[in-house]
PDB file of all heavy atoms in Angstrom:
ATOM      1  N   PHE A   1       0.804  -1.227  -0.012  1.00  0.00           N
ATOM      2  CA  PHE A   1      -0.016   0.051   0.005  1.00  0.00           C
ATOM      3  C   PHE A   1       0.832   1.287  -0.012  1.00  0.00           C
ATOM      4  O   PHE A   1       0.431   2.283  -0.539  1.00  0.00           O
ATOM      5  CB  PHE A   1      -0.921   0.035   1.242  1.00  0.00           C
ATOM      6  CG  PHE A   1      -2.029  -0.927   1.162  1.00  0.00           C
ATOM      7  CD1 PHE A   1      -1.901  -2.213   1.471  1.00  0.00           C
ATOM      8  CD2 PHE A   1      -3.352  -0.521   0.736  1.00  0.00           C
ATOM      9  CE1 PHE A   1      -2.946  -3.191   1.382  1.00  0.00           C
ATOM     10  CE2 PHE A   1      -4.383  -1.399   0.735  1.00  0.00           C
ATOM     11  CZ  PHE A   1      -4.261  -2.769   1.034  1.00  0.00           C
ATOM     12  N   ALA A   2       2.026   1.196   0.576  1.00  0.00           N
ATOM     13  CA  ALA A   2       2.841   2.398   0.796  1.00  0.00           C
ATOM     14  C   ALA A   2       3.602   2.710  -0.539  1.00  0.00           C
ATOM     15  O   ALA A   2       4.189   1.813  -1.111  1.00  0.00           O
ATOM     16  CB  ALA A   2       3.910   2.137   1.921  1.00  0.00           C
ATOM     17  N   ASP A   3       3.468   4.012  -0.916  1.00  0.00           N
ATOM     18  CA  ASP A   3       4.159   4.352  -2.155  1.00  0.00           C
ATOM     19  C   ASP A   3       5.299   5.370  -1.953  1.00  0.00           C
ATOM     20  O   ASP A   3       5.810   5.944  -2.881  1.00  0.00           O
ATOM     21  CB  ASP A   3       3.177   4.960  -3.148  1.00  0.00           C
ATOM     22  CG  ASP A   3       2.434   6.232  -2.639  1.00  0.00           C
ATOM     23  OD1 ASP A   3       2.818   6.699  -1.524  1.00  0.00           O
ATOM     24  OD2 ASP A   3       1.574   6.738  -3.294  1.00  0.00           O
ATOM     25  N   MET A   4       5.647   5.558  -0.624  1.00  0.00           N
ATOM     26  CA  MET A   4       6.698   6.550  -0.315  1.00  0.00           C
ATOM     27  C   MET A   4       8.055   5.996  -0.212  1.00  0.00           C
ATOM     28  O   MET A   4       9.058   6.695  -0.052  1.00  0.00           O
ATOM     29  CB  MET A   4       6.354   7.274   1.005  1.00  0.00           C
ATOM     30  CG  MET A   4       6.518   6.465   2.273  1.00  0.00           C
ATOM     31  SD  MET A   4       5.297   5.203   2.536  1.00  0.00           S
ATOM     32  CE  MET A   4       3.853   6.202   2.929  1.00  0.00           C
ATOM     33  N   PHE A   5       8.137   4.625  -0.321  1.00  0.00           N
ATOM     34  CA  PHE A   5       9.473   3.974  -0.288  1.00  0.00           C
ATOM     35  C   PHE A   5       9.976   3.749  -1.720  1.00  0.00           C
ATOM     36  O   PHE A   5       9.639   2.790  -2.433  1.00  0.00           O
ATOM     37  CB  PHE A   5       9.383   2.651   0.451  1.00  0.00           C
ATOM     38  CG  PHE A   5       8.824   2.803   1.764  1.00  0.00           C
ATOM     39  CD1 PHE A   5       7.611   2.171   2.176  1.00  0.00           C
ATOM     40  CD2 PHE A   5       9.389   3.631   2.731  1.00  0.00           C
ATOM     41  CE1 PHE A   5       7.088   2.298   3.418  1.00  0.00           C
ATOM     42  CE2 PHE A   5       8.918   3.790   4.039  1.00  0.00           C
ATOM     43  CZ  PHE A   5       7.717   3.132   4.404  1.00  0.00           C
ATOM     44  N   LYS A   6      10.874   4.678  -2.222  1.00  0.00           N
ATOM     45  CA  LYS A   6      11.276   4.616  -3.571  1.00  0.00           C
ATOM     46  C   LYS A   6      12.070   3.338  -3.912  1.00  0.00           C
ATOM     47  O   LYS A   6      11.940   2.789  -5.000  1.00  0.00           O
ATOM     48  CB  LYS A   6      12.167   5.883  -3.870  1.00  0.00           C
ATOM     49  CG  LYS A   6      11.402   7.173  -3.865  1.00  0.00           C
ATOM     50  CD  LYS A   6      12.307   8.346  -4.238  1.00  0.00           C
ATOM     51  CE  LYS A   6      11.582   9.671  -4.219  1.00  0.00           C
ATOM     52  NZ  LYS A   6      12.407  10.811  -4.504  1.00  0.00           N
ATOM     53  N   ASP A   7      12.852   2.825  -2.961  1.00  0.00           N
ATOM     54  CA  ASP A   7      13.597   1.643  -3.141  1.00  0.00           C
ATOM     55  C   ASP A   7      12.669   0.475  -3.361  1.00  0.00           C
ATOM     56  O   ASP A   7      12.969  -0.417  -4.234  1.00  0.00           O
ATOM     57  CB  ASP A   7      14.544   1.324  -1.977  1.00  0.00           C
ATOM     58  CG  ASP A   7      15.672   2.269  -1.872  1.00  0.00           C
ATOM     59  OD1 ASP A   7      15.875   3.018  -2.851  1.00  0.00           O
ATOM     60  OD2 ASP A   7      16.409   2.244  -0.853  1.00  0.00           O
ATOM     61  N   ALA A   8      11.585   0.350  -2.620  1.00  0.00           N
ATOM     62  CA  ALA A   8      10.575  -0.672  -2.730  1.00  0.00           C
ATOM     63  C   ALA A   8       9.873  -0.654  -4.105  1.00  0.00           C
ATOM     64  O   ALA A   8       9.791  -1.658  -4.843  1.00  0.00           O
ATOM     65  CB  ALA A   8       9.572  -0.657  -1.612  1.00  0.00           C
ATOM     66  N   THR A   9       9.495   0.549  -4.515  1.00  0.00           N
ATOM     67  CA  THR A   9       8.958   0.743  -5.881  1.00  0.00           C
ATOM     68  C   THR A   9       9.894   0.310  -6.996  1.00  0.00           C
ATOM     69  O   THR A   9       9.540  -0.373  -7.905  1.00  0.00           O
ATOM     70  CB  THR A   9       8.536   2.214  -6.070  1.00  0.00           C
ATOM     71  OG1 THR A   9       7.551   2.542  -5.158  1.00  0.00           O
ATOM     72  CG2 THR A   9       8.021   2.434  -7.452  1.00  0.00           C
ATOM     73  N   ALA A  10      11.178   0.727  -6.811  1.00  0.00           N
ATOM     74  CA  ALA A  10      12.117   0.369  -7.828  1.00  0.00           C
ATOM     75  C   ALA A  10      12.372  -1.174  -7.914  1.00  0.00           C
ATOM     76  O   ALA A  10      12.490  -1.773  -9.047  1.00  0.00           O
ATOM     77  CB  ALA A  10      13.483   1.063  -7.624  1.00  0.00           C
ATOM     78  N   MET A  11      12.451  -1.825  -6.772  1.00  0.00           N
ATOM     79  CA  MET A  11      12.655  -3.263  -6.722  1.00  0.00           C
ATOM     80  C   MET A  11      11.532  -3.989  -7.340  1.00  0.00           C
ATOM     81  O   MET A  11      11.732  -4.924  -8.094  1.00  0.00           O
ATOM     82  CB  MET A  11      12.875  -3.736  -5.227  1.00  0.00           C
ATOM     83  CG  MET A  11      14.117  -3.251  -4.623  1.00  0.00           C
ATOM     84  SD  MET A  11      14.216  -3.474  -2.804  1.00  0.00           S
ATOM     85  CE  MET A  11      14.539  -5.275  -2.842  1.00  0.00           C
ATOM     86  N   MET A  12      10.326  -3.563  -7.118  1.00  0.00           N
ATOM     87  CA  MET A  12       9.138  -4.187  -7.667  1.00  0.00           C
ATOM     88  C   MET A  12       9.127  -3.959  -9.220  1.00  0.00           C
ATOM     89  O   MET A  12       8.818  -4.909  -9.922  1.00  0.00           O
ATOM     90  CB  MET A  12       7.866  -3.655  -7.091  1.00  0.00           C
ATOM     91  CG  MET A  12       6.569  -4.168  -7.634  1.00  0.00           C
ATOM     92  SD  MET A  12       6.444  -6.026  -7.737  1.00  0.00           S
ATOM     93  CE  MET A  12       4.853  -6.106  -8.667  1.00  0.00           C
ATOM     94  N   ARG A  13       9.420  -2.799  -9.665  1.00  0.00           N
ATOM     95  CA  ARG A  13       9.410  -2.531 -11.100  1.00  0.00           C
ATOM     96  C   ARG A  13      10.484  -3.381 -11.795  1.00  0.00           C
ATOM     97  O   ARG A  13      10.238  -3.907 -12.844  1.00  0.00           O
ATOM     98  CB  ARG A  13       9.689  -1.063 -11.382  1.00  0.00           C
ATOM     99  CG  ARG A  13       8.467  -0.111 -11.176  1.00  0.00           C
ATOM    100  CD  ARG A  13       8.847   1.342 -11.386  1.00  0.00           C
ATOM    101  NE  ARG A  13       7.666   2.209 -11.163  1.00  0.00           N
ATOM    102  CZ  ARG A  13       7.827   3.453 -10.868  1.00  0.00           C
ATOM    103  NH1 ARG A  13       9.007   3.985 -10.646  1.00  0.00           N
ATOM    104  NH2 ARG A  13       6.764   4.161 -10.693  1.00  0.00           N
ATOM    105  N   ASP A  14      11.675  -3.469 -11.183  1.00  0.00           N
ATOM    106  CA  ASP A  14      12.700  -4.262 -11.825  1.00  0.00           C
ATOM    107  C   ASP A  14      12.314  -5.696 -11.942  1.00  0.00           C
ATOM    108  O   ASP A  14      12.572  -6.434 -12.962  1.00  0.00           O
ATOM    109  CB  ASP A  14      14.040  -4.075 -10.947  1.00  0.00           C
ATOM    110  CG  ASP A  14      14.636  -2.729 -11.140  1.00  0.00           C
ATOM    111  OD1 ASP A  14      14.245  -1.976 -11.991  1.00  0.00           O
ATOM    112  OD2 ASP A  14      15.535  -2.406 -10.319  1.00  0.00           O
ATOM    113  N   TYR A  15      11.712  -6.246 -10.864  1.00  0.00           N
ATOM    114  CA  TYR A  15      11.348  -7.679 -10.847  1.00  0.00           C
ATOM    115  C   TYR A  15      10.199  -7.864 -11.891  1.00  0.00           C
ATOM    116  O   TYR A  15      10.196  -8.865 -12.620  1.00  0.00           O
ATOM    117  CB  TYR A  15      10.849  -8.017  -9.444  1.00  0.00           C
ATOM    118  CG  TYR A  15      10.651  -9.527  -9.286  1.00  0.00           C
ATOM    119  CD1 TYR A  15      11.699 -10.365  -8.948  1.00  0.00           C
ATOM    120  CD2 TYR A  15       9.345 -10.058  -9.424  1.00  0.00           C
ATOM    121  CE1 TYR A  15      11.517 -11.724  -8.757  1.00  0.00           C
ATOM    122  CE2 TYR A  15       9.196 -11.395  -9.252  1.00  0.00           C
ATOM    123  CZ  TYR A  15      10.236 -12.228  -8.923  1.00  0.00           C
ATOM    124  OH  TYR A  15      10.024 -13.652  -8.798  1.00  0.00           O
ATOM    125  N   LEU A  16       9.225  -6.959 -11.899  1.00  0.00           N
ATOM    126  CA  LEU A  16       8.122  -7.092 -12.855  1.00  0.00           C
ATOM    127  C   LEU A  16       8.614  -7.004 -14.267  1.00  0.00           C
ATOM    128  O   LEU A  16       8.086  -7.770 -15.147  1.00  0.00           O
ATOM    129  CB  LEU A  16       7.130  -5.928 -12.548  1.00  0.00           C
ATOM    130  CG  LEU A  16       5.900  -5.877 -13.471  1.00  0.00           C
ATOM    131  CD1 LEU A  16       5.039  -7.183 -13.452  1.00  0.00           C
ATOM    132  CD2 LEU A  16       4.996  -4.699 -13.050  1.00  0.00           C
ATOM    133  N   ALA A  17       9.554  -6.149 -14.567  1.00  0.00           N
ATOM    134  CA  ALA A  17      10.089  -6.002 -15.909  1.00  0.00           C
ATOM    135  C   ALA A  17      10.668  -7.340 -16.404  1.00  0.00           C
ATOM    136  O   ALA A  17      10.698  -7.631 -17.594  1.00  0.00           O
ATOM    137  CB  ALA A  17      11.118  -4.921 -15.985  1.00  0.00           C
ATOM    138  N   LYS A  18      11.251  -8.071 -15.494  1.00  0.00           N
ATOM    139  CA  LYS A  18      11.904  -9.389 -15.839  1.00  0.00           C
ATOM    140  C   LYS A  18      10.984 -10.662 -15.648  1.00  0.00           C
ATOM    141  O   LYS A  18      11.347 -11.717 -16.149  1.00  0.00           O
ATOM    142  CB  LYS A  18      13.145  -9.581 -14.975  1.00  0.00           C
ATOM    143  CG  LYS A  18      14.205  -8.489 -15.199  1.00  0.00           C
ATOM    144  CD  LYS A  18      15.365  -8.671 -14.261  1.00  0.00           C
ATOM    145  CE  LYS A  18      16.410  -7.588 -14.434  1.00  0.00           C
ATOM    146  NZ  LYS A  18      17.511  -7.625 -13.381  1.00  0.00           N
ATOM    147  N   ASN A  19       9.913 -10.464 -14.934  1.00  0.00           N
ATOM    148  CA  ASN A  19       9.060 -11.645 -14.604  1.00  0.00           C
ATOM    149  C   ASN A  19       7.582 -11.341 -14.933  1.00  0.00           C
ATOM    150  O   ASN A  19       6.694 -11.636 -14.062  1.00  0.00           O
ATOM    151  CB  ASN A  19       9.280 -11.995 -13.070  1.00  0.00           C
ATOM    152  CG  ASN A  19      10.724 -12.369 -12.763  1.00  0.00           C
ATOM    153  OD1 ASN A  19      11.124 -13.549 -12.943  1.00  0.00           O
ATOM    154  ND2 ASN A  19      11.463 -11.383 -12.290  1.00  0.00           N
ATOM    155  N   GLY A  20       7.318 -10.823 -16.101  1.00  0.00           N
ATOM    156  CA  GLY A  20       6.020 -10.426 -16.495  1.00  0.00           C
ATOM    157  C   GLY A  20       5.079 -11.599 -16.664  1.00  0.00           C
ATOM    158  O   GLY A  20       3.885 -11.465 -16.315  1.00  0.00           O
ATOM    159  N   LYS A  21       5.595 -12.675 -17.151  1.00  0.00           N
ATOM    160  CA  LYS A  21       4.745 -13.860 -17.379  1.00  0.00           C
ATOM    161  C   LYS A  21       4.081 -14.435 -16.108  1.00  0.00           C
ATOM    162  O   LYS A  21       2.947 -14.766 -15.991  1.00  0.00           O
ATOM    163  CB  LYS A  21       5.410 -15.028 -18.188  1.00  0.00           C
ATOM    164  CG  LYS A  21       5.695 -14.564 -19.623  1.00  0.00           C
ATOM    165  CD  LYS A  21       6.353 -15.741 -20.380  1.00  0.00           C
ATOM    166  CE  LYS A  21       6.641 -15.398 -21.794  1.00  0.00           C
ATOM    167  NZ  LYS A  21       7.252 -16.471 -22.614  1.00  0.00           N
ATOM    168  N   GLU A  22       4.939 -14.469 -15.063  1.00  0.00           N
ATOM    169  CA  GLU A  22       4.484 -14.951 -13.747  1.00  0.00           C
ATOM    170  C   GLU A  22       3.416 -13.986 -13.178  1.00  0.00           C
ATOM    171  O   GLU A  22       2.420 -14.413 -12.668  1.00  0.00           O
ATOM    172  CB  GLU A  22       5.705 -15.055 -12.729  1.00  0.00           C
ATOM    173  CG  GLU A  22       5.314 -15.535 -11.431  1.00  0.00           C
ATOM    174  CD  GLU A  22       6.449 -15.473 -10.470  1.00  0.00           C
ATOM    175  OE1 GLU A  22       7.585 -15.142 -10.807  1.00  0.00           O
ATOM    176  OE2 GLU A  22       6.217 -15.794  -9.229  1.00  0.00           O
ATOM    177  N   TRP A  23       3.650 -12.720 -13.388  1.00  0.00           N
ATOM    178  CA  TRP A  23       2.637 -11.703 -12.932  1.00  0.00           C
ATOM    179  C   TRP A  23       1.320 -11.872 -13.643  1.00  0.00           C
ATOM    180  O   TRP A  23       0.275 -11.911 -13.049  1.00  0.00           O
ATOM    181  CB  TRP A  23       3.218 -10.323 -13.262  1.00  0.00           C
ATOM    182  CG  TRP A  23       2.356  -9.114 -12.989  1.00  0.00           C
ATOM    183  CD1 TRP A  23       1.697  -8.394 -13.982  1.00  0.00           C
ATOM    184  CD2 TRP A  23       2.127  -8.481 -11.774  1.00  0.00           C
ATOM    185  NE1 TRP A  23       1.061  -7.335 -13.319  1.00  0.00           N
ATOM    186  CE2 TRP A  23       1.271  -7.403 -12.032  1.00  0.00           C
ATOM    187  CE3 TRP A  23       2.474  -8.770 -10.394  1.00  0.00           C
ATOM    188  CZ2 TRP A  23       0.801  -6.506 -10.968  1.00  0.00           C
ATOM    189  CZ3 TRP A  23       2.000  -7.914  -9.423  1.00  0.00           C
ATOM    190  CH2 TRP A  23       1.181  -6.838  -9.722  1.00  0.00           C
ATOM    191  N   GLU A  24       1.346 -12.099 -14.951  1.00  0.00           N
ATOM    192  CA  GLU A  24       0.100 -12.314 -15.748  1.00  0.00           C
ATOM    193  C   GLU A  24      -0.610 -13.535 -15.293  1.00  0.00           C
ATOM    194  O   GLU A  24      -1.789 -13.582 -15.270  1.00  0.00           O
ATOM    195  CB  GLU A  24       0.498 -12.275 -17.242  1.00  0.00           C
ATOM    196  CG  GLU A  24       0.871 -10.941 -17.838  1.00  0.00           C
ATOM    197  CD  GLU A  24      -0.262  -9.910 -17.764  1.00  0.00           C
ATOM    198  OE1 GLU A  24      -1.462 -10.321 -17.959  1.00  0.00           O
ATOM    199  OE2 GLU A  24       0.017  -8.702 -17.480  1.00  0.00           O
ATOM    200  N   ALA A  25       0.179 -14.623 -15.045  1.00  0.00           N
ATOM    201  CA  ALA A  25      -0.412 -15.857 -14.617  1.00  0.00           C
ATOM    202  C   ALA A  25      -1.248 -15.640 -13.339  1.00  0.00           C
ATOM    203  O   ALA A  25      -2.309 -16.268 -13.131  1.00  0.00           O
ATOM    204  CB  ALA A  25       0.611 -16.943 -14.504  1.00  0.00           C
ATOM    205  N   ILE A  26      -0.656 -14.918 -12.436  1.00  0.00           N
ATOM    206  CA  ILE A  26      -1.358 -14.689 -11.193  1.00  0.00           C
ATOM    207  C   ILE A  26      -2.629 -13.819 -11.377  1.00  0.00           C
ATOM    208  O   ILE A  26      -3.699 -14.182 -10.834  1.00  0.00           O
ATOM    209  CB  ILE A  26      -0.414 -13.942 -10.187  1.00  0.00           C
ATOM    210  CG1 ILE A  26       0.704 -14.800  -9.726  1.00  0.00           C
ATOM    211  CG2 ILE A  26      -1.147 -13.452  -8.943  1.00  0.00           C
ATOM    212  CD1 ILE A  26       1.878 -14.118  -9.024  1.00  0.00           C
ATOM    213  N   LEU A  27      -2.541 -12.797 -12.125  1.00  0.00           N
ATOM    214  CA  LEU A  27      -3.609 -11.837 -12.337  1.00  0.00           C
ATOM    215  C   LEU A  27      -4.780 -12.482 -13.159  1.00  0.00           C
ATOM    216  O   LEU A  27      -5.947 -12.104 -12.951  1.00  0.00           O
ATOM    217  CB  LEU A  27      -3.183 -10.592 -13.001  1.00  0.00           C
ATOM    218  CG  LEU A  27      -2.770  -9.426 -12.161  1.00  0.00           C
ATOM    219  CD1 LEU A  27      -1.715  -9.824 -11.234  1.00  0.00           C
ATOM    220  CD2 LEU A  27      -2.282  -8.260 -12.992  1.00  0.00           C
ATOM    221  N   HIS A  28      -4.425 -13.513 -13.965  1.00  0.00           N
ATOM    222  CA  HIS A  28      -5.480 -14.125 -14.840  1.00  0.00           C
ATOM    223  C   HIS A  28      -5.907 -15.450 -14.284  1.00  0.00           C
ATOM    224  O   HIS A  28      -6.603 -16.147 -15.007  1.00  0.00           O
ATOM    225  CB  HIS A  28      -5.009 -14.214 -16.272  1.00  0.00           C
ATOM    226  CG  HIS A  28      -4.757 -12.903 -16.911  1.00  0.00           C
ATOM    227  ND1 HIS A  28      -5.794 -11.949 -17.055  1.00  0.00           N
ATOM    228  CD2 HIS A  28      -3.654 -12.302 -17.390  1.00  0.00           C
ATOM    229  CE1 HIS A  28      -5.341 -10.891 -17.647  1.00  0.00           C
ATOM    230  NE2 HIS A  28      -4.019 -11.010 -17.830  1.00  0.00           N
ATOM    231  N   GLU A  29      -5.505 -15.832 -13.102  1.00  0.00           N
ATOM    232  CA  GLU A  29      -6.082 -16.990 -12.412  1.00  0.00           C
ATOM    233  C   GLU A  29      -7.564 -16.748 -12.208  1.00  0.00           C
ATOM    234  O   GLU A  29      -7.950 -15.647 -11.743  1.00  0.00           O
ATOM    235  CB  GLU A  29      -5.332 -17.322 -11.120  1.00  0.00           C
ATOM    236  CG  GLU A  29      -5.511 -18.669 -10.547  1.00  0.00           C
ATOM    237  CD  GLU A  29      -6.768 -18.925  -9.881  1.00  0.00           C
ATOM    238  OE1 GLU A  29      -7.289 -17.907  -9.241  1.00  0.00           O
ATOM    239  OE2 GLU A  29      -7.361 -20.003  -9.989  1.00  0.00           O
ATOM    240  N   PRO A  30      -8.463 -17.699 -12.543  1.00  0.00           N
ATOM    241  CA  PRO A  30      -9.904 -17.377 -12.535  1.00  0.00           C
ATOM    242  C   PRO A  30     -10.434 -16.795 -11.308  1.00  0.00           C
ATOM    243  O   PRO A  30     -11.199 -15.839 -11.308  1.00  0.00           O
ATOM    244  CB  PRO A  30     -10.515 -18.727 -12.854  1.00  0.00           C
ATOM    245  CG  PRO A  30      -9.516 -19.470 -13.714  1.00  0.00           C
ATOM    246  CD  PRO A  30      -8.167 -19.016 -13.110  1.00  0.00           C
ATOM    247  N   ASP A  31     -10.117 -17.356 -10.123  1.00  0.00           N
ATOM    248  CA  ASP A  31     -10.661 -16.793  -8.827  1.00  0.00           C
ATOM    249  C   ASP A  31     -10.088 -15.432  -8.587  1.00  0.00           C
ATOM    250  O   ASP A  31     -10.822 -14.547  -8.050  1.00  0.00           O
ATOM    251  CB  ASP A  31     -10.320 -17.759  -7.697  1.00  0.00           C
ATOM    252  CG  ASP A  31     -11.258 -18.932  -7.588  1.00  0.00           C
ATOM    253  OD1 ASP A  31     -12.313 -18.836  -8.200  1.00  0.00           O
ATOM    254  OD2 ASP A  31     -10.939 -19.934  -6.916  1.00  0.00           O
ATOM    255  N   PHE A  32      -8.854 -15.240  -8.942  1.00  0.00           N
ATOM    256  CA  PHE A  32      -8.210 -13.911  -8.692  1.00  0.00           C
ATOM    257  C   PHE A  32      -8.960 -12.841  -9.591  1.00  0.00           C
ATOM    258  O   PHE A  32      -9.363 -11.804  -9.167  1.00  0.00           O
ATOM    259  CB  PHE A  32      -6.703 -13.882  -9.079  1.00  0.00           C
ATOM    260  CG  PHE A  32      -5.956 -12.653  -8.708  1.00  0.00           C
ATOM    261  CD1 PHE A  32      -5.276 -12.664  -7.583  1.00  0.00           C
ATOM    262  CD2 PHE A  32      -6.039 -11.583  -9.500  1.00  0.00           C
ATOM    263  CE1 PHE A  32      -4.601 -11.466  -7.124  1.00  0.00           C
ATOM    264  CE2 PHE A  32      -5.305 -10.364  -9.093  1.00  0.00           C
ATOM    265  CZ  PHE A  32      -4.586 -10.373  -7.973  1.00  0.00           C
ATOM    266  N   GLU A  33      -9.194 -13.188 -10.830  1.00  0.00           N
ATOM    267  CA  GLU A  33      -9.877 -12.241 -11.723  1.00  0.00           C
ATOM    268  C   GLU A  33     -11.303 -11.937 -11.233  1.00  0.00           C
ATOM    269  O   GLU A  33     -11.843 -10.811 -11.439  1.00  0.00           O
ATOM    270  CB  GLU A  33      -9.926 -12.786 -13.194  1.00  0.00           C
ATOM    271  CG  GLU A  33      -8.653 -12.557 -13.918  1.00  0.00           C
ATOM    272  CD  GLU A  33      -8.828 -12.911 -15.440  1.00  0.00           C
ATOM    273  OE1 GLU A  33      -9.360 -13.969 -15.782  1.00  0.00           O
ATOM    274  OE2 GLU A  33      -8.494 -12.020 -16.282  1.00  0.00           O
ATOM    275  N   LYS A  34     -11.939 -12.994 -10.647  1.00  0.00           N
ATOM    276  CA  LYS A  34     -13.286 -12.801 -10.147  1.00  0.00           C
ATOM    277  C   LYS A  34     -13.380 -11.773  -9.063  1.00  0.00           C
ATOM    278  O   LYS A  34     -14.385 -11.047  -8.934  1.00  0.00           O
ATOM    279  CB  LYS A  34     -13.822 -14.186  -9.789  1.00  0.00           C
ATOM    280  CG  LYS A  34     -15.243 -14.165  -9.238  1.00  0.00           C
ATOM    281  CD  LYS A  34     -15.730 -15.631  -8.906  1.00  0.00           C
ATOM    282  CE  LYS A  34     -17.080 -15.565  -8.287  1.00  0.00           C
ATOM    283  NZ  LYS A  34     -17.539 -16.989  -7.933  1.00  0.00           N
ATOM    284  N   TYR A  35     -12.383 -11.803  -8.178  1.00  0.00           N
ATOM    285  CA  TYR A  35     -12.504 -11.028  -6.924  1.00  0.00           C
ATOM    286  C   TYR A  35     -11.650  -9.711  -6.877  1.00  0.00           C
ATOM    287  O   TYR A  35     -11.984  -8.876  -6.108  1.00  0.00           O
ATOM    288  CB  TYR A  35     -12.168 -11.911  -5.725  1.00  0.00           C
ATOM    289  CG  TYR A  35     -13.140 -12.991  -5.445  1.00  0.00           C
ATOM    290  CD1 TYR A  35     -12.930 -14.329  -5.820  1.00  0.00           C
ATOM    291  CD2 TYR A  35     -14.384 -12.711  -4.830  1.00  0.00           C
ATOM    292  CE1 TYR A  35     -13.822 -15.373  -5.563  1.00  0.00           C
ATOM    293  CE2 TYR A  35     -15.237 -13.698  -4.535  1.00  0.00           C
ATOM    294  CZ  TYR A  35     -14.963 -15.033  -4.862  1.00  0.00           C
ATOM    295  OH  TYR A  35     -15.908 -15.964  -4.616  1.00  0.00           O
ATOM    296  N   PHE A  36     -10.633  -9.653  -7.685  1.00  0.00           N
ATOM    297  CA  PHE A  36      -9.627  -8.569  -7.413  1.00  0.00           C
ATOM    298  C   PHE A  36      -9.315  -7.811  -8.693  1.00  0.00           C
ATOM    299  O   PHE A  36      -9.286  -8.380  -9.801  1.00  0.00           O
ATOM    300  CB  PHE A  36      -8.275  -9.164  -6.866  1.00  0.00           C
ATOM    301  CG  PHE A  36      -8.455 -10.061  -5.649  1.00  0.00           C
ATOM    302  CD1 PHE A  36      -7.967 -11.326  -5.641  1.00  0.00           C
ATOM    303  CD2 PHE A  36      -9.134  -9.562  -4.524  1.00  0.00           C
ATOM    304  CE1 PHE A  36      -8.177 -12.158  -4.586  1.00  0.00           C
ATOM    305  CE2 PHE A  36      -9.300 -10.421  -3.397  1.00  0.00           C
ATOM    306  CZ  PHE A  36      -8.768 -11.689  -3.427  1.00  0.00           C
ATOM    307  N   THR A  37      -8.980  -6.583  -8.489  1.00  0.00           N
ATOM    308  CA  THR A  37      -8.374  -5.665  -9.448  1.00  0.00           C
ATOM    309  C   THR A  37      -7.206  -5.036  -8.805  1.00  0.00           C
ATOM    310  O   THR A  37      -7.334  -4.504  -7.688  1.00  0.00           O
ATOM    311  CB  THR A  37      -9.359  -4.591  -9.925  1.00  0.00           C
ATOM    312  OG1 THR A  37     -10.458  -5.228 -10.545  1.00  0.00           O
ATOM    313  CG2 THR A  37      -8.691  -3.745 -10.961  1.00  0.00           C
ATOM    314  N   VAL A  38      -5.971  -5.036  -9.460  1.00  0.00           N
ATOM    315  CA  VAL A  38      -4.843  -4.434  -8.825  1.00  0.00           C
ATOM    316  C   VAL A  38      -5.019  -2.880  -8.862  1.00  0.00           C
ATOM    317  O   VAL A  38      -5.312  -2.323  -9.917  1.00  0.00           O
ATOM    318  CB  VAL A  38      -3.590  -4.786  -9.642  1.00  0.00           C
ATOM    319  CG1 VAL A  38      -2.356  -4.157  -9.010  1.00  0.00           C
ATOM    320  CG2 VAL A  38      -3.401  -6.316  -9.646  1.00  0.00           C
TER     321      VAL A  38
END
């Protein structure tokens, strides 16, 4: 939830840039899509 930690934001962006398929698999799991929006 916290967006004031620049290091945390950078770490997440770097990981996401390299691991996009895993991210998409989580977001498009049927129960996840049914209940949640990032």
